[in-house]
Structures are given as C-alpha cells and as structure tokens.
Amino acid sequence: MERARFIQLVRRALRDVPPPFKEHLKQVDIVVKRRPSASDLREAGLPPGESMYGFYRGIPLTERDSHYGMVVPDVIDIYQEPLEEDFPDDAELVREIRTTVLHELAHFFGIDDDRLDELGIG
C-alpha cells in the first residue's frame, strides 16, 4: 500500500479514538514509519527478527514532576509494514491501528504492558 493511503487510514483510525483520550492526542506526535528499526526493537526489549505495530517514546504523565519541561515531545510511532502484513483488509487494519494508538497512548498515561494485558488490550 502506498504511504499516503496508509496515512489516510491512520487518520481515519484517529478519528475513532474516544473523546476522553482524543484530547490527549494533542500532546503526542503520531509518526508513521515503514518498520521498526533494530534500535526501536532494542529499546522495546524485543529480539532481532521480532516486530511490533507501534512504540511510545516519552515521559509518561505519572513520571512527570515540577521539573518537567524543555523536553522533546512525546511520540507514538506506527509501523506500516507489520500492520499491513497482519491486517490486509482495510477495515481490520483501521481497527488495529486504533487499538495500537490506544495501547501506546496508555503508556503515555503510565500504564504498563502487564496492566494492558489484564485489560485485554496488550
């Protein structure tokens, strides 16, 4: 799929984010990348050859204190190729992009992967 078409699907998925969470998306940059780099995988604690759909980079709200400031913006990377490979249908792809954004946004709120697994969105 062409990058422009994938970005349109990401935008469609972001429109469906529930209002309480959508407001916080203004504080996070969403970046579409072709695939996770070796450095992305290392940072996420994944071995080479593994993959992922998204990755949150930043300082979660729960870790910010009165000294928080002058930092780079929080970012959610969305990885196009792994998502396309696993979800060839546009409707399924949009649903998974939305799920991925919500998963990564949960990290912004300080929710870890174990808790996300308990909630069923790990």
C-alpha atoms as a PDB file:
ATOM      1  CA  MET A   1       0.000   0.000   0.000  1.00  0.00           C
ATOM      2  CA  GLU A   2       1.266   3.472  -0.755  1.00  0.00           C
ATOM      3  CA  ARG A   3       2.320   5.543   2.228  1.00  0.00           C
ATOM      4  CA  ALA A   4      -0.270   8.264   1.520  1.00  0.00           C
ATOM      5  CA  ARG A   5      -3.089   5.690   1.575  1.00  0.00           C
ATOM      6  CA  PHE A   6      -1.795   4.205   4.844  1.00  0.00           C
ATOM      7  CA  ILE A   7      -1.614   7.677   6.401  1.00  0.00           C
ATOM      8  CA  GLN A   8      -5.271   8.223   5.383  1.00  0.00           C
ATOM      9  CA  LEU A   9      -6.171   5.014   7.246  1.00  0.00           C
ATOM     10  CA  VAL A  10      -4.227   6.199  10.299  1.00  0.00           C
ATOM     11  CA  ARG A  11      -6.172   9.473  10.224  1.00  0.00           C
ATOM     12  CA  ARG A  12      -9.432   7.524   9.960  1.00  0.00           C
ATOM     13  CA  ALA A  13      -8.423   5.394  12.954  1.00  0.00           C
ATOM     14  CA  LEU A  14      -7.521   8.507  14.983  1.00  0.00           C
ATOM     15  CA  ARG A  15     -10.985   9.984  14.345  1.00  0.00           C
ATOM     16  CA  ASP A  16     -12.430   6.945  16.144  1.00  0.00           C
ATOM     17  CA  VAL A  17     -10.411   7.403  19.337  1.00  0.00           C
ATOM     18  CA  PRO A  18     -12.877   8.021  22.207  1.00  0.00           C
ATOM     19  CA  PRO A  19     -13.213  11.682  23.321  1.00  0.00           C
ATOM     20  CA  PRO A  20     -11.549  11.384  26.743  1.00  0.00           C
ATOM     21  CA  PHE A  21      -8.407  10.050  25.050  1.00  0.00           C
ATOM     22  CA  LYS A  22      -8.616  12.080  21.841  1.00  0.00           C
ATOM     23  CA  GLU A  23      -7.946  15.300  23.771  1.00  0.00           C
ATOM     24  CA  HIS A  24      -4.598  13.899  24.934  1.00  0.00           C
ATOM     25  CA  LEU A  25      -3.544  13.069  21.381  1.00  0.00           C
ATOM     26  CA  LYS A  26      -2.805  16.792  21.010  1.00  0.00           C
ATOM     27  CA  GLN A  27       0.127  16.257  23.398  1.00  0.00           C
ATOM     28  CA  VAL A  28       1.638  13.384  21.389  1.00  0.00           C
ATOM     29  CA  ASP A  29       3.081  13.360  17.878  1.00  0.00           C
ATOM     30  CA  ILE A  30       1.955  10.412  15.731  1.00  0.00           C
ATOM     31  CA  VAL A  31       4.667   9.326  13.275  1.00  0.00           C
ATOM     32  CA  VAL A  32       4.249   6.680  10.586  1.00  0.00           C
ATOM     33  CA  LYS A  33       7.375   4.643   9.920  1.00  0.00           C
ATOM     34  CA  ARG A  34       7.851   1.862   7.397  1.00  0.00           C
ATOM     35  CA  ARG A  35       9.021  -0.704  10.013  1.00  0.00           C
ATOM     36  CA  PRO A  36      10.719  -0.747  13.429  1.00  0.00           C
ATOM     37  CA  SER A  37      14.476  -0.316  13.294  1.00  0.00           C
ATOM     38  CA  ALA A  38      16.928  -2.536  15.172  1.00  0.00           C
ATOM     39  CA  SER A  39      17.301   0.300  17.673  1.00  0.00           C
ATOM     40  CA  ASP A  40      13.482   0.523  18.109  1.00  0.00           C
ATOM     41  CA  LEU A  41      13.365  -3.215  18.841  1.00  0.00           C
ATOM     42  CA  ARG A  42      16.241  -2.974  21.353  1.00  0.00           C
ATOM     43  CA  GLU A  43      14.591  -0.020  23.090  1.00  0.00           C
ATOM     44  CA  ALA A  44      11.327  -2.003  23.305  1.00  0.00           C
ATOM     45  CA  GLY A  45      13.182  -5.027  24.678  1.00  0.00           C
ATOM     46  CA  LEU A  46      12.446  -7.211  21.644  1.00  0.00           C
ATOM     47  CA  PRO A  47      14.985  -9.505  19.984  1.00  0.00           C
ATOM     48  CA  PRO A  48      16.065  -9.048  16.356  1.00  0.00           C
ATOM     49  CA  GLY A  49      13.572 -10.606  13.967  1.00  0.00           C
ATOM     50  CA  GLU A  50      10.574  -9.707  16.135  1.00  0.00           C
ATOM     51  CA  SER A  51       8.269  -6.889  15.185  1.00  0.00           C
ATOM     52  CA  MET A  52       5.719  -4.536  16.661  1.00  0.00           C
ATOM     53  CA  TYR A  53       2.902  -2.300  15.467  1.00  0.00           C
ATOM     54  CA  GLY A  54       3.673   0.806  17.485  1.00  0.00           C
ATOM     55  CA  PHE A  55       6.005   2.309  20.057  1.00  0.00           C
ATOM     56  CA  TYR A  56       5.612   5.114  22.607  1.00  0.00           C
ATOM     57  CA  ARG A  57       8.584   7.371  23.303  1.00  0.00           C
ATOM     58  CA  GLY A  58       8.378   9.934  26.025  1.00  0.00           C
ATOM     59  CA  ILE A  59       7.909  10.570  29.701  1.00  0.00           C
ATOM     60  CA  PRO A  60       4.604   9.166  30.966  1.00  0.00           C
ATOM     61  CA  LEU A  61       2.335  11.598  32.798  1.00  0.00           C
ATOM     62  CA  THR A  62       2.780   9.578  36.008  1.00  0.00           C
ATOM     63  CA  GLU A  63       6.548  10.216  35.942  1.00  0.00           C
ATOM     64  CA  ARG A  64       6.425  13.960  35.413  1.00  0.00           C
ATOM     65  CA  ASP A  65       7.115  16.302  38.282  1.00  0.00           C
ATOM     66  CA  SER A  66       7.594  20.025  38.825  1.00  0.00           C
ATOM     67  CA  HIS A  67      10.928  19.870  36.964  1.00  0.00           C
ATOM     68  CA  TYR A  68       9.320  18.548  33.800  1.00  0.00           C
ATOM     69  CA  GLY A  69       9.945  20.900  30.916  1.00  0.00           C
ATOM     70  CA  MET A  70      12.178  21.647  27.959  1.00  0.00           C
ATOM     71  CA  VAL A  71      11.895  18.079  26.695  1.00  0.00           C
ATOM     72  CA  VAL A  72      11.210  16.742  23.240  1.00  0.00           C
ATOM     73  CA  PRO A  73       7.542  15.955  22.521  1.00  0.00           C
ATOM     74  CA  ASP A  74       6.139  12.516  23.259  1.00  0.00           C
ATOM     75  CA  VAL A  75       5.852  10.392  20.110  1.00  0.00           C
ATOM     76  CA  ILE A  76       3.865   7.355  19.072  1.00  0.00           C
ATOM     77  CA  ASP A  77       5.435   5.543  16.128  1.00  0.00           C
ATOM     78  CA  ILE A  78       3.066   3.495  13.970  1.00  0.00           C
ATOM     79  CA  TYR A  79       4.788   0.830  11.847  1.00  0.00           C
ATOM     80  CA  GLN A  80       3.151   0.399   8.454  1.00  0.00           C
ATOM     81  CA  GLU A  81       4.604  -2.882   7.140  1.00  0.00           C
ATOM     82  CA  PRO A  82       3.900  -5.122  10.168  1.00  0.00           C
ATOM     83  CA  LEU A  83       0.330  -3.812  10.335  1.00  0.00           C
ATOM     84  CA  GLU A  84      -0.269  -4.297   6.610  1.00  0.00           C
ATOM     85  CA  GLU A  85       1.179  -7.824   6.692  1.00  0.00           C
ATOM     86  CA  ASP A  86      -1.077  -8.938   9.539  1.00  0.00           C
ATOM     87  CA  PHE A  87      -4.231  -6.998   8.565  1.00  0.00           C
ATOM     88  CA  PRO A  88      -4.690  -6.936   4.758  1.00  0.00           C
ATOM     89  CA  ASP A  89      -8.348  -5.836   4.970  1.00  0.00           C
ATOM     90  CA  ASP A  90      -8.764  -2.043   5.290  1.00  0.00           C
ATOM     91  CA  ALA A  91     -11.467  -2.260   7.975  1.00  0.00           C
ATOM     92  CA  GLU A  92      -9.388  -4.647  10.084  1.00  0.00           C
ATOM     93  CA  LEU A  93      -6.311  -2.506   9.520  1.00  0.00           C
ATOM     94  CA  VAL A  94      -8.082   0.641  10.728  1.00  0.00           C
ATOM     95  CA  ARG A  95      -9.318  -1.217  13.844  1.00  0.00           C
ATOM     96  CA  GLU A  96      -5.809  -2.458  14.628  1.00  0.00           C
ATOM     97  CA  ILE A  97      -4.258   0.987  14.068  1.00  0.00           C
ATOM     98  CA  ARG A  98      -6.819   2.401  16.514  1.00  0.00           C
ATOM     99  CA  THR A  99      -6.037  -0.362  19.023  1.00  0.00           C
ATOM    100  CA  THR A 100      -2.314   0.286  18.587  1.00  0.00           C
ATOM    101  CA  VAL A 101      -2.728   4.026  19.156  1.00  0.00           C
ATOM    102  CA  LEU A 102      -4.820   3.375  22.289  1.00  0.00           C
ATOM    103  CA  HIS A 103      -2.228   0.883  23.540  1.00  0.00           C
ATOM    104  CA  GLU A 104       0.620   3.347  23.044  1.00  0.00           C
ATOM    105  CA  LEU A 105      -1.432   6.227  24.455  1.00  0.00           C
ATOM    106  CA  ALA A 106      -1.957   4.107  27.577  1.00  0.00           C
ATOM    107  CA  HIS A 107       1.843   4.150  28.016  1.00  0.00           C
ATOM    108  CA  PHE A 108       1.629   7.964  27.876  1.00  0.00           C
ATOM    109  CA  PHE A 109      -0.723   7.696  30.876  1.00  0.00           C
ATOM    110  CA  GLY A 110       1.773   5.440  32.665  1.00  0.00           C
ATOM    111  CA  ILE A 111       0.021   2.106  32.120  1.00  0.00           C
ATOM    112  CA  ASP A 112       2.498  -0.745  31.563  1.00  0.00           C
ATOM    113  CA  ASP A 113       2.166  -3.792  29.302  1.00  0.00           C
ATOM    114  CA  ASP A 114       1.264  -6.142  32.156  1.00  0.00           C
ATOM    115  CA  ARG A 115      -1.720  -3.974  33.092  1.00  0.00           C
ATOM    116  CA  LEU A 116      -2.716  -3.631  29.430  1.00  0.00           C
ATOM    117  CA  ASP A 117      -2.712  -7.439  29.168  1.00  0.00           C
ATOM    118  CA  GLU A 118      -5.015  -7.591  32.191  1.00  0.00           C
ATOM    119  CA  LEU A 119      -7.336  -5.094  30.476  1.00  0.00           C
ATOM    120  CA  GLY A 120      -7.317  -7.113  27.267  1.00  0.00           C
ATOM    121  CA  ILE A 121      -5.511  -4.571  25.090  1.00  0.00           C
ATOM    122  CA  GLY A 122      -1.961  -5.867  25.490  1.00  0.00           C
END
